[in-house]
Amino acid sequence: MNKARTLLIFFAVASTLLTSCGGDNSKQDYASLITGTYIGTVTNGSGTTAGSSELVKRSETKVDMDIIAGSHTLSIPGIRVSRVDDNIYDLSCTISGNSLDGKVEGNKLTYTLSSGALNGTFTGTK
């Protein structure tokens, strides 16, 4: 009887520990933390233009971005989001020679885009 009781207590403690550690292994939902519309400017070789960038969650670690800069618009699907530090996230995407490299820090979004008519650096806040 003592052996059965000891095993029961062991399994109860083990299942409690496994349940409490289960959350540590799950993916973080970085995309939800940075989604929204950022209003700012795009700067390139010909000057500065008002613009906006909207980040929409695609998955926990990917966002889609809709960009408006002056009279130009662009949609970029599947931008990778990775955590750098508390409240700092890297954004990266390369599609057919076009690239985006950026960062969200708090409510500030900055990125450099190389894509045909839209080349430059965006800086904006949510």
N, C-alpha and C. Protein backbone atom coordinates (compact mmCIF):
# COMPACT_ATOMS: atom_id res chain seq x y z
N MET A 1 0.82 -1.20 0.00
CA MET A 1 0.00 0.00 0.00
C MET A 1 0.87 1.26 0.00
N ASN A 2 1.97 1.26 0.74
CA ASN A 2 2.87 2.42 0.77
C ASN A 2 3.48 2.69 -0.58
N LYS A 3 3.81 1.62 -1.32
CA LYS A 3 4.39 1.78 -2.65
C LYS A 3 3.39 2.46 -3.59
N ALA A 4 2.16 2.03 -3.55
CA ALA A 4 1.12 2.62 -4.40
C ALA A 4 0.91 4.08 -4.04
N ARG A 5 0.88 4.38 -2.76
CA ARG A 5 0.69 5.75 -2.31
C ARG A 5 1.86 6.64 -2.73
N THR A 6 3.07 6.14 -2.61
CA THR A 6 4.26 6.88 -3.01
C THR A 6 4.25 7.16 -4.51
N LEU A 7 3.88 6.16 -5.31
CA LEU A 7 3.80 6.34 -6.75
C LEU A 7 2.72 7.37 -7.11
N LEU A 8 1.60 7.32 -6.43
CA LEU A 8 0.53 8.26 -6.69
C LEU A 8 0.98 9.70 -6.39
N ILE A 9 1.67 9.89 -5.28
CA ILE A 9 2.17 11.22 -4.91
C ILE A 9 3.21 11.68 -5.93
N PHE A 10 4.09 10.76 -6.34
CA PHE A 10 5.11 11.10 -7.34
C PHE A 10 4.47 11.57 -8.64
N PHE A 11 3.47 10.83 -9.15
CA PHE A 11 2.81 11.20 -10.39
C PHE A 11 2.04 12.51 -10.25
N ALA A 12 1.47 12.76 -9.09
CA ALA A 12 0.75 14.02 -8.88
C ALA A 12 1.71 15.20 -8.93
N VAL A 13 2.86 15.07 -8.27
CA VAL A 13 3.86 16.15 -8.28
C VAL A 13 4.44 16.32 -9.68
N ALA A 14 4.75 15.22 -10.35
CA ALA A 14 5.33 15.28 -11.70
C ALA A 14 4.37 15.94 -12.68
N SER A 15 3.09 15.59 -12.61
CA SER A 15 2.13 16.19 -13.55
C SER A 15 1.96 17.68 -13.27
N THR A 16 2.04 18.10 -12.02
CA THR A 16 1.96 19.52 -11.70
C THR A 16 3.15 20.27 -12.26
N LEU A 17 4.34 19.71 -12.12
CA LEU A 17 5.53 20.35 -12.65
C LEU A 17 5.50 20.43 -14.18
N LEU A 18 5.08 19.36 -14.83
CA LEU A 18 5.02 19.34 -16.28
C LEU A 18 3.99 20.34 -16.80
N THR A 19 2.88 20.47 -16.14
CA THR A 19 1.85 21.42 -16.55
C THR A 19 2.34 22.85 -16.41
N SER A 20 3.03 23.16 -15.34
CA SER A 20 3.49 24.53 -15.13
C SER A 20 4.63 24.90 -16.06
N CYS A 21 5.40 23.95 -16.56
CA CYS A 21 6.49 24.24 -17.49
C CYS A 21 6.00 24.26 -18.93
N GLY A 22 4.82 23.76 -19.19
CA GLY A 22 4.32 23.66 -20.55
C GLY A 22 4.24 24.99 -21.25
N GLY A 23 3.91 26.06 -20.56
CA GLY A 23 3.80 27.38 -21.16
C GLY A 23 5.13 27.94 -21.59
N ASP A 24 6.21 27.50 -20.98
CA ASP A 24 7.53 28.02 -21.31
C ASP A 24 7.99 27.58 -22.69
N ASN A 25 7.50 26.46 -23.19
CA ASN A 25 7.95 25.92 -24.46
C ASN A 25 7.11 26.39 -25.64
N SER A 26 6.02 27.08 -25.40
CA SER A 26 5.15 27.50 -26.50
C SER A 26 5.75 28.70 -27.23
N LYS A 27 5.38 28.87 -28.50
CA LYS A 27 5.82 30.01 -29.28
C LYS A 27 5.21 31.28 -28.72
N GLN A 28 5.95 32.36 -28.79
CA GLN A 28 5.42 33.65 -28.40
C GLN A 28 4.66 34.24 -29.58
N ASP A 29 3.60 34.95 -29.31
CA ASP A 29 2.81 35.60 -30.35
C ASP A 29 3.34 37.02 -30.55
N TYR A 30 4.49 37.12 -31.22
CA TYR A 30 5.12 38.42 -31.44
C TYR A 30 4.27 39.31 -32.34
N ALA A 31 3.63 38.72 -33.34
CA ALA A 31 2.87 39.50 -34.32
C ALA A 31 1.76 40.30 -33.64
N SER A 32 1.06 39.71 -32.70
CA SER A 32 -0.03 40.43 -32.02
C SER A 32 0.48 41.64 -31.26
N LEU A 33 1.72 41.57 -30.80
CA LEU A 33 2.28 42.66 -30.00
C LEU A 33 2.63 43.89 -30.84
N ILE A 34 2.83 43.71 -32.15
CA ILE A 34 3.29 44.84 -32.97
C ILE A 34 2.29 45.28 -34.03
N THR A 35 1.16 44.58 -34.18
CA THR A 35 0.20 44.95 -35.22
C THR A 35 -0.39 46.34 -34.97
N GLY A 36 -0.78 46.98 -36.05
CA GLY A 36 -1.38 48.30 -35.97
C GLY A 36 -0.90 49.17 -37.12
N THR A 37 -1.36 50.42 -37.12
CA THR A 37 -0.97 51.37 -38.16
C THR A 37 0.04 52.35 -37.60
N TYR A 38 1.14 52.50 -38.31
CA TYR A 38 2.22 53.40 -37.93
C TYR A 38 2.23 54.56 -38.94
N ILE A 39 2.19 55.78 -38.44
CA ILE A 39 2.18 56.97 -39.28
C ILE A 39 3.54 57.64 -39.17
N GLY A 40 4.10 58.02 -40.34
CA GLY A 40 5.42 58.64 -40.29
C GLY A 40 5.86 59.17 -41.64
N THR A 41 7.15 59.02 -41.93
CA THR A 41 7.72 59.53 -43.18
C THR A 41 8.62 58.50 -43.82
N VAL A 42 8.74 58.61 -45.13
CA VAL A 42 9.68 57.81 -45.91
C VAL A 42 10.74 58.76 -46.46
N THR A 43 11.99 58.44 -46.20
CA THR A 43 13.09 59.27 -46.68
C THR A 43 13.90 58.47 -47.69
N ASN A 44 14.17 59.10 -48.85
CA ASN A 44 15.02 58.46 -49.85
C ASN A 44 15.86 59.55 -50.51
N GLY A 45 16.54 59.21 -51.59
CA GLY A 45 17.44 60.15 -52.26
C GLY A 45 16.77 61.41 -52.78
N SER A 46 15.47 61.37 -53.02
CA SER A 46 14.79 62.54 -53.58
C SER A 46 14.02 63.34 -52.54
N GLY A 47 14.12 63.00 -51.26
CA GLY A 47 13.45 63.78 -50.22
C GLY A 47 12.68 62.95 -49.23
N THR A 48 11.73 63.61 -48.56
CA THR A 48 10.92 62.98 -47.53
C THR A 48 9.46 63.10 -47.90
N THR A 49 8.73 61.98 -47.73
CA THR A 49 7.31 61.92 -48.07
C THR A 49 6.54 61.37 -46.89
N ALA A 50 5.34 61.89 -46.67
CA ALA A 50 4.47 61.33 -45.62
C ALA A 50 4.07 59.91 -46.02
N GLY A 51 3.93 59.06 -45.01
CA GLY A 51 3.55 57.69 -45.30
C GLY A 51 2.96 56.98 -44.10
N SER A 52 2.45 55.79 -44.36
CA SER A 52 1.94 54.95 -43.27
C SER A 52 2.23 53.49 -43.61
N SER A 53 2.32 52.71 -42.57
CA SER A 53 2.53 51.28 -42.71
C SER A 53 1.61 50.57 -41.73
N GLU A 54 0.83 49.62 -42.25
CA GLU A 54 -0.06 48.86 -41.39
C GLU A 54 0.46 47.42 -41.30
N LEU A 55 0.65 46.95 -40.08
CA LEU A 55 1.07 45.57 -39.84
C LEU A 55 -0.15 44.76 -39.42
N VAL A 56 -0.39 43.66 -40.13
CA VAL A 56 -1.53 42.80 -39.87
C VAL A 56 -1.00 41.40 -39.57
N LYS A 57 -1.46 40.80 -38.49
CA LYS A 57 -1.00 39.48 -38.08
C LYS A 57 -1.35 38.42 -39.13
N ARG A 58 -0.36 37.64 -39.52
CA ARG A 58 -0.56 36.49 -40.41
C ARG A 58 -0.45 35.20 -39.60
N SER A 59 0.53 35.14 -38.70
CA SER A 59 0.71 34.02 -37.77
C SER A 59 1.41 34.60 -36.55
N GLU A 60 1.79 33.76 -35.61
CA GLU A 60 2.42 34.26 -34.39
C GLU A 60 3.76 34.95 -34.66
N THR A 61 4.43 34.55 -35.73
CA THR A 61 5.76 35.11 -36.02
C THR A 61 5.85 35.73 -37.42
N LYS A 62 4.71 36.05 -38.03
CA LYS A 62 4.70 36.70 -39.34
C LYS A 62 3.59 37.74 -39.41
N VAL A 63 3.89 38.82 -40.13
CA VAL A 63 2.90 39.87 -40.38
C VAL A 63 2.89 40.19 -41.86
N ASP A 64 1.77 40.73 -42.33
CA ASP A 64 1.66 41.31 -43.65
C ASP A 64 1.72 42.82 -43.47
N MET A 65 2.33 43.53 -44.42
CA MET A 65 2.46 44.97 -44.30
C MET A 65 1.86 45.65 -45.53
N ASP A 66 1.02 46.65 -45.27
CA ASP A 66 0.48 47.50 -46.33
C ASP A 66 1.10 48.88 -46.16
N ILE A 67 1.76 49.34 -47.22
CA ILE A 67 2.51 50.60 -47.17
C ILE A 67 1.87 51.61 -48.10
N ILE A 68 1.75 52.84 -47.61
CA ILE A 68 1.36 53.97 -48.45
C ILE A 68 2.43 55.03 -48.26
N ALA A 69 3.03 55.47 -49.37
CA ALA A 69 4.05 56.51 -49.33
C ALA A 69 3.80 57.45 -50.50
N GLY A 70 3.28 58.64 -50.20
CA GLY A 70 2.91 59.55 -51.27
C GLY A 70 1.82 58.92 -52.12
N SER A 71 2.06 58.80 -53.42
CA SER A 71 1.06 58.19 -54.31
C SER A 71 1.34 56.71 -54.56
N HIS A 72 2.31 56.14 -53.88
CA HIS A 72 2.68 54.74 -54.06
C HIS A 72 2.08 53.86 -52.96
N THR A 73 1.67 52.66 -53.33
CA THR A 73 1.20 51.67 -52.35
C THR A 73 1.90 50.35 -52.63
N LEU A 74 2.07 49.57 -51.59
CA LEU A 74 2.72 48.28 -51.71
C LEU A 74 2.24 47.38 -50.58
N SER A 75 1.98 46.12 -50.89
CA SER A 75 1.65 45.13 -49.87
C SER A 75 2.75 44.08 -49.85
N ILE A 76 3.24 43.80 -48.65
CA ILE A 76 4.29 42.79 -48.49
C ILE A 76 3.77 41.70 -47.57
N PRO A 77 3.61 40.48 -48.08
CA PRO A 77 3.12 39.38 -47.25
C PRO A 77 4.25 38.64 -46.54
N GLY A 78 3.94 38.09 -45.38
CA GLY A 78 4.83 37.14 -44.70
C GLY A 78 6.14 37.68 -44.20
N ILE A 79 6.15 38.85 -43.60
CA ILE A 79 7.37 39.40 -43.01
C ILE A 79 7.64 38.67 -41.69
N ARG A 80 8.85 38.16 -41.53
CA ARG A 80 9.22 37.44 -40.32
C ARG A 80 9.42 38.41 -39.15
N VAL A 81 8.90 38.02 -37.99
CA VAL A 81 9.04 38.81 -36.76
C VAL A 81 9.80 37.97 -35.75
N SER A 82 10.87 38.52 -35.20
CA SER A 82 11.61 37.82 -34.16
C SER A 82 11.90 38.79 -33.02
N ARG A 83 11.95 38.25 -31.83
CA ARG A 83 12.17 39.09 -30.64
C ARG A 83 13.66 39.29 -30.43
N VAL A 84 14.04 40.54 -30.19
CA VAL A 84 15.43 40.88 -29.90
C VAL A 84 15.61 41.04 -28.39
N ASP A 85 14.70 41.77 -27.78
CA ASP A 85 14.76 42.08 -26.36
C ASP A 85 13.35 42.45 -25.92
N ASP A 86 13.18 42.79 -24.65
CA ASP A 86 11.87 43.22 -24.19
C ASP A 86 11.39 44.39 -25.03
N ASN A 87 10.23 44.22 -25.67
CA ASN A 87 9.58 45.28 -26.43
C ASN A 87 10.37 45.73 -27.67
N ILE A 88 11.30 44.88 -28.16
CA ILE A 88 12.05 45.16 -29.39
C ILE A 88 11.95 43.94 -30.29
N TYR A 89 11.50 44.15 -31.54
CA TYR A 89 11.27 43.05 -32.48
C TYR A 89 11.89 43.38 -33.83
N ASP A 90 12.58 42.41 -34.43
CA ASP A 90 13.14 42.57 -35.77
C ASP A 90 12.14 42.11 -36.81
N LEU A 91 12.14 42.79 -37.95
CA LEU A 91 11.32 42.44 -39.10
C LEU A 91 12.25 42.17 -40.27
N SER A 92 11.99 41.09 -41.03
CA SER A 92 12.82 40.83 -42.20
C SER A 92 12.04 40.07 -43.25
N CYS A 93 12.36 40.41 -44.52
CA CYS A 93 11.68 39.77 -45.64
C CYS A 93 12.51 40.01 -46.90
N THR A 94 12.64 38.97 -47.71
CA THR A 94 13.24 39.09 -49.03
C THR A 94 12.38 38.32 -50.00
N ILE A 95 11.88 39.01 -51.03
CA ILE A 95 11.05 38.37 -52.06
C ILE A 95 11.56 38.84 -53.41
N SER A 96 12.03 37.93 -54.21
CA SER A 96 12.47 38.22 -55.60
C SER A 96 13.35 39.46 -55.71
N GLY A 97 14.37 39.54 -54.90
CA GLY A 97 15.29 40.67 -54.97
C GLY A 97 14.84 41.91 -54.22
N ASN A 98 13.60 41.96 -53.77
CA ASN A 98 13.11 43.07 -52.96
C ASN A 98 13.32 42.70 -51.50
N SER A 99 13.69 43.68 -50.68
CA SER A 99 13.94 43.34 -49.28
C SER A 99 13.42 44.41 -48.33
N LEU A 100 13.13 43.96 -47.12
CA LEU A 100 12.71 44.84 -46.04
C LEU A 100 13.47 44.38 -44.80
N ASP A 101 14.09 45.34 -44.12
CA ASP A 101 14.80 45.06 -42.89
C ASP A 101 14.39 46.13 -41.89
N GLY A 102 13.77 45.72 -40.78
CA GLY A 102 13.26 46.73 -39.87
C GLY A 102 13.23 46.31 -38.42
N LYS A 103 12.66 47.21 -37.62
CA LYS A 103 12.60 46.99 -36.18
C LYS A 103 11.39 47.72 -35.61
N VAL A 104 10.72 47.07 -34.66
CA VAL A 104 9.69 47.72 -33.87
C VAL A 104 10.23 47.80 -32.45
N GLU A 105 10.28 49.02 -31.94
CA GLU A 105 10.76 49.24 -30.57
C GLU A 105 9.71 50.06 -29.85
N GLY A 106 8.97 49.39 -28.96
CA GLY A 106 7.84 50.06 -28.31
C GLY A 106 6.78 50.36 -29.34
N ASN A 107 6.43 51.64 -29.50
CA ASN A 107 5.42 52.02 -30.50
C ASN A 107 6.06 52.66 -31.74
N LYS A 108 7.37 52.46 -31.94
CA LYS A 108 8.09 53.05 -33.06
C LYS A 108 8.50 51.96 -34.06
N LEU A 109 8.19 52.18 -35.33
CA LEU A 109 8.56 51.28 -36.41
C LEU A 109 9.56 51.98 -37.32
N THR A 110 10.67 51.32 -37.60
CA THR A 110 11.63 51.81 -38.58
C THR A 110 11.99 50.64 -39.49
N TYR A 111 12.13 50.93 -40.77
CA TYR A 111 12.60 49.90 -41.70
C TYR A 111 13.19 50.54 -42.94
N THR A 112 14.04 49.76 -43.61
CA THR A 112 14.59 50.14 -44.89
C THR A 112 14.02 49.19 -45.92
N LEU A 113 13.49 49.76 -46.98
CA LEU A 113 12.83 48.98 -48.02
C LEU A 113 13.54 49.20 -49.35
N SER A 114 13.75 48.11 -50.06
CA SER A 114 14.29 48.18 -51.41
C SER A 114 13.33 47.42 -52.31
N SER A 115 12.45 48.16 -53.03
CA SER A 115 11.43 47.50 -53.84
C SER A 115 10.96 48.42 -54.97
N GLY A 116 11.62 48.37 -56.10
CA GLY A 116 11.17 49.15 -57.26
C GLY A 116 10.99 50.62 -56.97
N ALA A 117 9.76 51.12 -57.10
CA ALA A 117 9.47 52.54 -56.90
C ALA A 117 9.54 52.96 -55.44
N LEU A 118 9.43 52.01 -54.51
CA LEU A 118 9.47 52.35 -53.09
C LEU A 118 10.81 51.91 -52.50
N ASN A 119 11.73 52.85 -52.48
CA ASN A 119 13.03 52.62 -51.85
C ASN A 119 13.23 53.71 -50.82
N GLY A 120 13.69 53.33 -49.66
CA GLY A 120 13.95 54.34 -48.64
C GLY A 120 13.79 53.80 -47.25
N THR A 121 13.79 54.73 -46.31
CA THR A 121 13.70 54.39 -44.89
C THR A 121 12.41 54.98 -44.33
N PHE A 122 11.62 54.15 -43.69
CA PHE A 122 10.38 54.59 -43.05
C PHE A 122 10.63 54.71 -41.56
N THR A 123 10.12 55.77 -40.97
CA THR A 123 10.13 55.95 -39.52
C THR A 123 8.74 56.44 -39.12
N GLY A 124 8.09 55.72 -38.20
CA GLY A 124 6.75 56.13 -37.79
C GLY A 124 6.39 55.58 -36.42
N THR A 125 5.30 56.11 -35.88
CA THR A 125 4.82 55.67 -34.58
C THR A 125 3.36 55.25 -34.67
N LYS A 126 2.98 54.40 -33.74
CA LYS A 126 1.61 53.87 -33.66
C LYS A 126 0.78 54.79 -32.80
